[in-house]
Structures are given as structure tokens and as C-alpha cells.
Protein backbone atom coordinates (compact mmCIF):
# COMPACT_ATOMS: atom_id res chain seq x y z
CA UNK A 1 -45.31 14.24 17.07
CA UNK A 2 -41.32 15.79 18.52
CA UNK A 3 -40.22 12.49 19.40
CA UNK A 4 -40.92 10.92 15.83
CA UNK A 5 -39.32 13.62 14.09
CA UNK A 6 -36.38 13.24 16.03
CA UNK A 7 -36.48 9.43 16.75
CA UNK A 8 -36.05 9.73 12.88
CA UNK A 9 -33.43 12.20 12.88
CA UNK A 10 -31.07 10.12 14.99
CA UNK A 11 -31.86 7.21 12.47
CA UNK A 12 -31.03 8.61 9.23
CA UNK A 13 -27.53 10.13 11.03
CA UNK A 14 -27.35 6.49 12.97
CA UNK A 15 -27.36 4.90 9.35
CA UNK A 16 -25.54 7.20 7.61
CA UNK A 17 -22.40 6.73 10.10
CA UNK A 18 -22.68 3.23 9.47
CA UNK A 19 -22.19 3.13 5.81
CA UNK A 20 -20.16 5.45 5.72
CA UNK A 21 -17.25 3.36 8.57
CA UNK A 22 -18.07 0.04 5.62
CA UNK A 23 -16.71 2.18 2.63
CA UNK A 24 -13.76 3.38 4.89
CA UNK A 25 -13.20 -0.17 5.83
CA UNK A 26 -13.51 -1.71 2.45
CA UNK A 27 -11.44 1.56 0.97
CA UNK A 28 -8.95 0.54 3.24
CA UNK A 29 -8.91 -3.77 2.51
CA UNK A 30 -7.61 -3.81 -0.64
CA UNK A 31 -4.63 -3.39 -2.06
CA UNK A 32 -2.57 -0.27 -4.32
CA UNK A 33 -1.90 -0.51 -6.67
CA UNK A 34 1.19 -1.61 -8.84
CA UNK A 35 1.69 1.74 -10.37
CA UNK A 36 2.11 3.58 -7.61
CA UNK A 37 5.05 4.25 -6.33
CA UNK A 38 3.96 3.86 -2.13
CA UNK A 39 1.68 2.02 -0.84
CA UNK A 40 -1.10 2.75 2.31
CA UNK A 41 -0.76 1.03 5.66
CA UNK A 42 -2.37 2.71 8.36
CA UNK A 43 -3.61 5.98 6.81
CA UNK A 44 -0.56 6.67 6.12
CA UNK A 45 2.25 7.12 2.41
CA UNK A 46 5.38 4.65 2.33
CA UNK A 47 7.19 4.20 -0.56
CA UNK A 48 8.04 1.64 -1.85
CA UNK A 49 10.76 -0.19 -1.57
CA UNK A 50 11.92 -1.00 -5.28
CA UNK A 51 11.17 -3.17 -8.44
CA UNK A 52 12.09 -6.50 -7.97
CA UNK A 53 11.80 -9.02 -10.83
CA UNK A 54 11.93 -12.94 -9.40
CA UNK A 55 12.91 -15.62 -11.63
CA UNK A 56 10.99 -18.94 -12.24
CA UNK A 57 14.08 -20.75 -10.45
CA UNK A 58 14.25 -18.56 -6.98
CA UNK A 59 16.78 -15.52 -7.98
CA UNK A 60 15.48 -11.76 -8.10
CA UNK A 61 17.17 -8.45 -9.27
CA UNK A 62 15.34 -5.21 -7.60
CA UNK A 63 16.82 -1.32 -8.24
CA UNK A 64 15.96 1.45 -5.40
CA UNK A 65 17.10 5.08 -7.21
CA UNK A 66 17.55 7.76 -4.15
CA UNK A 67 17.73 10.62 -5.86
CA UNK A 68 20.95 10.40 -8.67
CA UNK A 69 22.13 6.86 -7.25
CA UNK A 70 21.00 3.33 -7.83
CA UNK A 71 21.03 0.45 -5.22
CA UNK A 72 21.38 -2.91 -6.73
CA UNK A 73 19.85 -5.53 -4.56
CA UNK A 74 20.68 -9.46 -6.41
CA UNK A 75 20.37 -13.26 -5.36
CA UNK A 76 20.64 -16.04 -6.86
CA UNK A 77 18.94 -19.26 -7.45
CA UNK A 78 21.77 -20.75 -5.05
CA UNK A 79 21.47 -18.00 -2.25
CA UNK A 80 24.05 -16.11 -3.37
CA UNK A 81 23.25 -12.27 -2.03
CA UNK A 82 24.96 -9.27 -3.50
CA UNK A 83 24.37 -5.69 -3.25
CA UNK A 84 25.84 -2.63 -5.08
CA UNK A 85 25.01 1.33 -5.17
CA UNK A 86 26.21 3.69 -7.25
CA UNK A 87 25.77 7.49 -7.86
CA UNK A 88 25.47 8.77 -10.94
């Protein structure tokens, strides 16, 4: 009788561990929502770079805030890169 109870208990624990591990893997594979200011990588919060706007011609503009300073990175469609940093 003890062996049946022990087997049932061990099966329940093993099943709970398997289900818990699967849900953690599913949570890790989902992307971070776009309105959050960080991404989750290897279980750690990593700040997102900035808000980049990409145009149809391939050019882009990105603004990164660091305290009272703003760094503006721009790249034109023909490949010219410009970076400006200003602190107010």
C-alpha cells in the first residue's frame, strides 16, 4: 500500500515539474511588448536602444535619451550616417 501512495505522489510531483518547466519556456519565447523600455534576455532586463523610425527608402532616425541628454542617430537612403548629441 505504501508503494502505491509513494508512486502516485512521485508521479504528481514529476508532472507538476514538467508543466512548470514548459510554461517557463513558453514565457521566455514570447517577444517583449513594443511599449516597454526594456527587453528580457537570458532572464535579465536589458534596456532597449531607442525609438527608431525606419522609412520606406531605407533611411532611419533614432533618438536615445540618457538623463537630460539626447543622442540622435540618422542614416540616409544613400548611406550617410550622422550622430548628434545634445544636452539641455
